[in-house]
Protein backbone atom coordinates (compact mmCIF):
# COMPACT_ATOMS: atom_id res chain seq x y z
CA UNK A 1 0.00 0.00 0.00
CA UNK A 2 2.85 2.37 0.84
CA UNK A 3 4.29 1.95 -2.66
CA UNK A 4 0.95 2.84 -4.26
CA UNK A 5 0.63 5.97 -2.11
CA UNK A 6 4.19 6.98 -3.04
CA UNK A 7 3.37 6.42 -6.72
CA UNK A 8 0.26 8.59 -6.42
CA UNK A 9 2.34 11.36 -4.83
CA UNK A 10 4.76 11.19 -7.76
CA UNK A 11 1.87 11.39 -10.24
CA UNK A 12 0.51 14.43 -8.39
CA UNK A 13 3.91 16.13 -8.61
CA UNK A 14 3.73 15.63 -12.40
CA UNK A 15 0.10 16.88 -12.52
CA UNK A 16 -1.23 13.48 -13.64
CA UNK A 17 -4.73 12.45 -12.54
CA UNK A 18 -5.17 8.62 -12.83
CA UNK A 19 -9.01 8.55 -12.57
CA UNK A 20 -9.37 4.75 -12.39
CA UNK A 21 -7.74 3.48 -9.20
CA UNK A 22 -9.08 0.05 -8.27
CA UNK A 23 -7.62 -3.32 -7.30
CA UNK A 24 -7.63 -4.52 -10.90
CA UNK A 25 -5.20 -1.70 -11.78
CA UNK A 26 -2.60 -2.65 -9.17
CA UNK A 27 -0.04 -5.33 -10.00
CA UNK A 28 2.35 -6.93 -7.55
CA UNK A 29 5.72 -7.77 -9.11
CA UNK A 30 7.27 -10.75 -7.30
CA UNK A 31 10.34 -11.46 -9.46
CA UNK A 32 12.83 -9.99 -6.98
CA UNK A 33 13.53 -10.27 -3.26
CA UNK A 34 11.24 -7.34 -2.50
CA UNK A 35 7.73 -7.37 -4.03
CA UNK A 36 6.85 -4.13 -5.84
CA UNK A 37 3.38 -2.69 -6.37
CA UNK A 38 2.72 -1.07 -9.72
CA UNK A 39 -0.18 1.13 -10.74
CA UNK A 40 -1.31 0.30 -14.29
CA UNK A 41 -3.95 1.28 -16.88
CA UNK A 42 -3.60 4.98 -17.47
CA UNK A 43 -6.23 4.92 -20.23
CA UNK A 44 -8.54 7.28 -18.33
CA UNK A 45 -5.75 9.45 -16.94
CA UNK A 46 -5.30 13.10 -17.76
CA UNK A 47 -2.93 15.95 -17.11
CA UNK A 48 -4.31 18.62 -14.84
CA UNK A 49 -3.38 22.06 -13.60
CA UNK A 50 -2.67 22.62 -9.92
CA UNK A 51 -5.69 23.52 -7.76
CA UNK A 52 -8.14 22.38 -10.46
CA UNK A 53 -11.36 20.78 -9.21
CA UNK A 54 -12.48 17.72 -11.18
CA UNK A 55 -16.03 16.47 -11.14
CA UNK A 56 -16.77 12.89 -12.14
CA UNK A 57 -19.74 10.65 -11.46
CA UNK A 58 -18.93 7.59 -9.40
CA UNK A 59 -18.91 4.32 -11.29
CA UNK A 60 -17.78 5.75 -14.61
PDB file of N, CA and C in Angstrom:
ATOM      1  N   UNK A   1       0.829  -1.189   0.000  1.00  0.00           N
ATOM      2  CA  UNK A   1       0.000   0.000   0.000  1.00  0.00           C
ATOM      3  C   UNK A   1       0.875   1.255   0.000  1.00  0.00           C
ATOM      4  N   UNK A   2       1.960   1.218   0.768  1.00  0.00           N
ATOM      5  CA  UNK A   2       2.855   2.371   0.840  1.00  0.00           C
ATOM      6  C   UNK A   2       3.428   2.714  -0.534  1.00  0.00           C
ATOM      7  N   UNK A   3       3.738   1.702  -1.325  1.00  0.00           N
ATOM      8  CA  UNK A   3       4.288   1.949  -2.660  1.00  0.00           C
ATOM      9  C   UNK A   3       3.259   2.612  -3.567  1.00  0.00           C
ATOM     10  N   UNK A   4       2.004   2.227  -3.452  1.00  0.00           N
ATOM     11  CA  UNK A   4       0.946   2.841  -4.264  1.00  0.00           C
ATOM     12  C   UNK A   4       0.770   4.305  -3.864  1.00  0.00           C
ATOM     13  N   UNK A   5       0.759   4.584  -2.575  1.00  0.00           N
ATOM     14  CA  UNK A   5       0.631   5.970  -2.111  1.00  0.00           C
ATOM     15  C   UNK A   5       1.807   6.804  -2.610  1.00  0.00           C
ATOM     16  N   UNK A   6       3.017   6.253  -2.538  1.00  0.00           N
ATOM     17  CA  UNK A   6       4.191   6.975  -3.039  1.00  0.00           C
ATOM     18  C   UNK A   6       4.056   7.242  -4.540  1.00  0.00           C
ATOM     19  N   UNK A   7       3.564   6.239  -5.279  1.00  0.00           N
ATOM     20  CA  UNK A   7       3.366   6.421  -6.716  1.00  0.00           C
ATOM     21  C   UNK A   7       2.345   7.503  -7.020  1.00  0.00           C
ATOM     22  N   UNK A   8       1.277   7.558  -6.227  1.00  0.00           N
ATOM     23  CA  UNK A   8       0.262   8.593  -6.422  1.00  0.00           C
ATOM     24  C   UNK A   8       0.822   9.980  -6.126  1.00  0.00           C
ATOM     25  N   UNK A   9       1.687  10.070  -5.126  1.00  0.00           N
ATOM     26  CA  UNK A   9       2.338  11.357  -4.834  1.00  0.00           C
ATOM     27  C   UNK A   9       3.198  11.802  -6.012  1.00  0.00           C
ATOM     28  N   UNK A  10       3.916  10.853  -6.610  1.00  0.00           N
ATOM     29  CA  UNK A  10       4.757  11.189  -7.761  1.00  0.00           C
ATOM     30  C   UNK A  10       3.912  11.627  -8.952  1.00  0.00           C
ATOM     31  N   UNK A  11       2.770  10.967  -9.165  1.00  0.00           N
ATOM     32  CA  UNK A  11       1.870  11.390 -10.240  1.00  0.00           C
ATOM     33  C   UNK A  11       1.370  12.807  -9.989  1.00  0.00           C
ATOM     34  N   UNK A  12       1.002  13.089  -8.731  1.00  0.00           N
ATOM     35  CA  UNK A  12       0.510  14.429  -8.392  1.00  0.00           C
ATOM     36  C   UNK A  12       1.574  15.488  -8.671  1.00  0.00           C
ATOM     37  N   UNK A  13       2.824  15.178  -8.351  1.00  0.00           N
ATOM     38  CA  UNK A  13       3.909  16.125  -8.613  1.00  0.00           C
ATOM     39  C   UNK A  13       4.048  16.425 -10.105  1.00  0.00           C
ATOM     40  N   UNK A  14       3.644  15.462 -10.940  1.00  0.00           N
ATOM     41  CA  UNK A  14       3.731  15.630 -12.396  1.00  0.00           C
ATOM     42  C   UNK A  14       2.394  16.062 -12.996  1.00  0.00           C
ATOM     43  N   UNK A  15       1.436  16.417 -12.111  1.00  0.00           N
ATOM     44  CA  UNK A  15       0.096  16.876 -12.520  1.00  0.00           C
ATOM     45  C   UNK A  15      -0.652  15.835 -13.345  1.00  0.00           C
ATOM     46  N   UNK A  16      -0.520  14.562 -12.965  1.00  0.00           N
ATOM     47  CA  UNK A  16      -1.233  13.478 -13.642  1.00  0.00           C
ATOM     48  C   UNK A  16      -2.332  12.981 -12.714  1.00  0.00           C
ATOM     49  N   UNK A  17      -3.542  12.867 -13.265  1.00  0.00           N
ATOM     50  CA  UNK A  17      -4.731  12.445 -12.540  1.00  0.00           C
ATOM     51  C   UNK A  17      -5.135  11.080 -13.093  1.00  0.00           C
ATOM     52  N   UNK A  18      -4.974   9.988 -12.328  1.00  0.00           N
ATOM     53  CA  UNK A  18      -5.173   8.621 -12.830  1.00  0.00           C
ATOM     54  C   UNK A  18      -6.633   8.348 -13.204  1.00  0.00           C
ATOM     55  N   UNK A  19      -7.566   8.649 -12.361  1.00  0.00           N
ATOM     56  CA  UNK A  19      -9.013   8.553 -12.573  1.00  0.00           C
ATOM     57  C   UNK A  19      -9.590   7.152 -12.626  1.00  0.00           C
ATOM     58  N   UNK A  20      -8.811   6.104 -12.364  1.00  0.00           N
ATOM     59  CA  UNK A  20      -9.373   4.747 -12.394  1.00  0.00           C
ATOM     60  C   UNK A  20      -8.626   3.834 -11.419  1.00  0.00           C
ATOM     61  N   UNK A  21      -8.472   4.282 -10.188  1.00  0.00           N
ATOM     62  CA  UNK A  21      -7.744   3.482  -9.204  1.00  0.00           C
ATOM     63  C   UNK A  21      -8.696   2.438  -8.625  1.00  0.00           C
ATOM     64  N   UNK A  22      -8.336   1.184  -8.811  1.00  0.00           N
ATOM     65  CA  UNK A  22      -9.082   0.051  -8.274  1.00  0.00           C
ATOM     66  C   UNK A  22      -8.121  -1.129  -8.195  1.00  0.00           C
ATOM     67  N   UNK A  23      -8.510  -2.176  -7.490  1.00  0.00           N
ATOM     68  CA  UNK A  23      -7.620  -3.324  -7.299  1.00  0.00           C
ATOM     69  C   UNK A  23      -7.148  -3.927  -8.612  1.00  0.00           C
ATOM     70  N   UNK A  24      -7.996  -3.943  -9.615  1.00  0.00           N
ATOM     71  CA  UNK A  24      -7.630  -4.521 -10.904  1.00  0.00           C
ATOM     72  C   UNK A  24      -6.501  -3.759 -11.587  1.00  0.00           C
ATOM     73  N   UNK A  25      -6.247  -2.531 -11.174  1.00  0.00           N
ATOM     74  CA  UNK A  25      -5.204  -1.701 -11.780  1.00  0.00           C
ATOM     75  C   UNK A  25      -3.948  -1.610 -10.913  1.00  0.00           C
ATOM     76  N   UNK A  26      -3.814  -2.559  -9.989  1.00  0.00           N
ATOM     77  CA  UNK A  26      -2.604  -2.652  -9.171  1.00  0.00           C
ATOM     78  C   UNK A  26      -2.004  -4.030  -9.387  1.00  0.00           C
ATOM     79  N   UNK A  27      -0.763  -4.066  -9.824  1.00  0.00           N
ATOM     80  CA  UNK A  27      -0.044  -5.327 -10.004  1.00  0.00           C
ATOM     81  C   UNK A  27       1.032  -5.440  -8.938  1.00  0.00           C
ATOM     82  N   UNK A  28       1.272  -6.662  -8.491  1.00  0.00           N
ATOM     83  CA  UNK A  28       2.353  -6.926  -7.551  1.00  0.00           C
ATOM     84  C   UNK A  28       3.419  -7.717  -8.294  1.00  0.00           C
ATOM     85  N   UNK A  29       4.590  -7.135  -8.427  1.00  0.00           N
ATOM     86  CA  UNK A  29       5.718  -7.768  -9.107  1.00  0.00           C
ATOM     87  C   UNK A  29       6.497  -8.570  -8.063  1.00  0.00           C
ATOM     88  N   UNK A  30       6.637  -9.877  -8.291  1.00  0.00           N
ATOM     89  CA  UNK A  30       7.272 -10.748  -7.299  1.00  0.00           C
ATOM     90  C   UNK A  30       8.566 -11.367  -7.799  1.00  0.00           C
ATOM     91  N   UNK A  31       9.147 -10.871  -8.868  1.00  0.00           N
ATOM     92  CA  UNK A  31      10.337 -11.463  -9.459  1.00  0.00           C
ATOM     93  C   UNK A  31      11.629 -11.175  -8.723  1.00  0.00           C
ATOM     94  N   UNK A  32      11.610 -10.311  -7.722  1.00  0.00           N
ATOM     95  CA  UNK A  32      12.831  -9.989  -6.982  1.00  0.00           C
ATOM     96  C   UNK A  32      12.621 -10.303  -5.499  1.00  0.00           C
ATOM     97  N   UNK A  33      13.616 -10.006  -4.699  1.00  0.00           N
ATOM     98  CA  UNK A  33      13.526 -10.274  -3.259  1.00  0.00           C
ATOM     99  C   UNK A  33      12.454  -9.434  -2.575  1.00  0.00           C
ATOM    100  N   UNK A  34      12.226  -8.245  -3.093  1.00  0.00           N
ATOM    101  CA  UNK A  34      11.242  -7.336  -2.499  1.00  0.00           C
ATOM    102  C   UNK A  34      10.093  -7.144  -3.483  1.00  0.00           C
ATOM    103  N   UNK A  35       8.871  -7.583  -3.130  1.00  0.00           N
ATOM    104  CA  UNK A  35       7.727  -7.369  -4.027  1.00  0.00           C
ATOM    105  C   UNK A  35       7.500  -5.879  -4.258  1.00  0.00           C
ATOM    106  N   UNK A  36       7.112  -5.534  -5.497  1.00  0.00           N
ATOM    107  CA  UNK A  36       6.848  -4.134  -5.838  1.00  0.00           C
ATOM    108  C   UNK A  36       5.429  -4.006  -6.351  1.00  0.00           C
ATOM    109  N   UNK A  37       4.731  -2.985  -5.888  1.00  0.00           N
ATOM    110  CA  UNK A  37       3.384  -2.686  -6.365  1.00  0.00           C
ATOM    111  C   UNK A  37       3.492  -1.702  -7.515  1.00  0.00           C
ATOM    112  N   UNK A  38       2.701  -1.949  -8.547  1.00  0.00           N
ATOM    113  CA  UNK A  38       2.719  -1.069  -9.720  1.00  0.00           C
ATOM    114  C   UNK A  38       1.287  -0.676 -10.074  1.00  0.00           C
ATOM    115  N   UNK A  39       1.108   0.601 -10.310  1.00  0.00           N
ATOM    116  CA  UNK A  39      -0.180   1.127 -10.744  1.00  0.00           C
ATOM    117  C   UNK A  39      -0.205   1.088 -12.266  1.00  0.00           C
ATOM    118  N   UNK A  40      -1.232   0.460 -12.840  1.00  0.00           N
ATOM    119  CA  UNK A  40      -1.306   0.302 -14.292  1.00  0.00           C
ATOM    120  C   UNK A  40      -2.593   0.919 -14.835  1.00  0.00           C
ATOM    121  N   UNK A  41      -2.766   0.831 -16.134  1.00  0.00           N
ATOM    122  CA  UNK A  41      -3.946   1.278 -16.879  1.00  0.00           C
ATOM    123  C   UNK A  41      -4.197   2.776 -16.716  1.00  0.00           C
ATOM    124  N   UNK A  42      -3.460   3.529 -17.485  1.00  0.00           N
ATOM    125  CA  UNK A  42      -3.596   4.979 -17.474  1.00  0.00           C
ATOM    126  C   UNK A  42      -4.496   5.456 -18.617  1.00  0.00           C
ATOM    127  N   UNK A  43      -5.368   4.578 -19.113  1.00  0.00           N
ATOM    128  CA  UNK A  43      -6.234   4.917 -20.230  1.00  0.00           C
ATOM    129  C   UNK A  43      -7.204   6.047 -19.943  1.00  0.00           C
ATOM    130  N   UNK A  44      -7.612   6.200 -18.699  1.00  0.00           N
ATOM    131  CA  UNK A  44      -8.538   7.275 -18.331  1.00  0.00           C
ATOM    132  C   UNK A  44      -7.812   8.458 -17.703  1.00  0.00           C
ATOM    133  N   UNK A  45      -6.503   8.395 -17.610  1.00  0.00           N
ATOM    134  CA  UNK A  45      -5.747   9.452 -16.935  1.00  0.00           C
ATOM    135  C   UNK A  45      -5.726  10.734 -17.756  1.00  0.00           C
ATOM    136  N   UNK A  46      -5.404  11.814 -17.072  1.00  0.00           N
ATOM    137  CA  UNK A  46      -5.295  13.100 -17.755  1.00  0.00           C
ATOM    138  C   UNK A  46      -4.285  13.968 -17.021  1.00  0.00           C
ATOM    139  N   UNK A  47      -3.772  14.941 -17.730  1.00  0.00           N
ATOM    140  CA  UNK A  47      -2.929  15.950 -17.106  1.00  0.00           C
ATOM    141  C   UNK A  47      -3.852  17.019 -16.551  1.00  0.00           C
ATOM    142  N   UNK A  48      -3.473  17.616 -15.462  1.00  0.00           N
ATOM    143  CA  UNK A  48      -4.311  18.621 -14.840  1.00  0.00           C
ATOM    144  C   UNK A  48      -3.455  19.776 -14.333  1.00  0.00           C
ATOM    145  N   UNK A  49      -4.063  20.905 -14.171  1.00  0.00           N
ATOM    146  CA  UNK A  49      -3.382  22.061 -13.596  1.00  0.00           C
ATOM    147  C   UNK A  49      -3.521  21.992 -12.079  1.00  0.00           C
ATOM    148  N   UNK A  50      -2.599  22.567 -11.381  1.00  0.00           N
ATOM    149  CA  UNK A  50      -2.671  22.618  -9.916  1.00  0.00           C
ATOM    150  C   UNK A  50      -3.940  23.351  -9.486  1.00  0.00           C
ATOM    151  N   UNK A  51      -4.511  22.897  -8.380  1.00  0.00           N
ATOM    152  CA  UNK A  51      -5.685  23.520  -7.763  1.00  0.00           C
ATOM    153  C   UNK A  51      -6.920  23.486  -8.657  1.00  0.00           C
ATOM    154  N   UNK A  52      -6.968  22.551  -9.612  1.00  0.00           N
ATOM    155  CA  UNK A  52      -8.141  22.381 -10.456  1.00  0.00           C
ATOM    156  C   UNK A  52      -9.081  21.383  -9.790  1.00  0.00           C
ATOM    157  N   UNK A  53     -10.363  21.684  -9.767  1.00  0.00           N
ATOM    158  CA  UNK A  53     -11.360  20.781  -9.210  1.00  0.00           C
ATOM    159  C   UNK A  53     -11.930  19.950 -10.348  1.00  0.00           C
ATOM    160  N   UNK A  54     -11.931  18.625 -10.170  1.00  0.00           N
ATOM    161  CA  UNK A  54     -12.476  17.723 -11.181  1.00  0.00           C
ATOM    162  C   UNK A  54     -13.767  17.121 -10.658  1.00  0.00           C
ATOM    163  N   UNK A  55     -14.763  17.089 -11.501  1.00  0.00           N
ATOM    164  CA  UNK A  55     -16.027  16.471 -11.137  1.00  0.00           C
ATOM    165  C   UNK A  55     -16.232  15.261 -12.022  1.00  0.00           C
ATOM    166  N   UNK A  56     -16.570  14.131 -11.386  1.00  0.00           N
ATOM    167  CA  UNK A  56     -16.769  12.894 -12.136  1.00  0.00           C
ATOM    168  C   UNK A  56     -17.787  12.057 -11.386  1.00  0.00           C
ATOM    169  N   UNK A  57     -18.757  11.516 -12.094  1.00  0.00           N
ATOM    170  CA  UNK A  57     -19.740  10.653 -11.460  1.00  0.00           C
ATOM    171  C   UNK A  57     -19.073   9.367 -11.016  1.00  0.00           C
ATOM    172  N   UNK A  58     -19.468   8.851  -9.880  1.00  0.00           N
ATOM    173  CA  UNK A  58     -18.928   7.589  -9.402  1.00  0.00           C
ATOM    174  C   UNK A  58     -19.396   6.464 -10.305  1.00  0.00           C
ATOM    175  N   UNK A  59     -18.553   5.478 -10.492  1.00  0.00           N
ATOM    176  CA  UNK A  59     -18.910   4.318 -11.288  1.00  0.00           C
ATOM    177  C   UNK A  59     -18.631   4.457 -12.761  1.00  0.00           C
ATOM    178  N   UNK A  60     -18.095   5.579 -13.192  1.00  0.00           N
ATOM    179  CA  UNK A  60     -17.780   5.751 -14.611  1.00  0.00           C
ATOM    180  C   UNK A  60     -16.495   5.057 -14.949  1.00  0.00           C
TER     181      UNK A  60
END
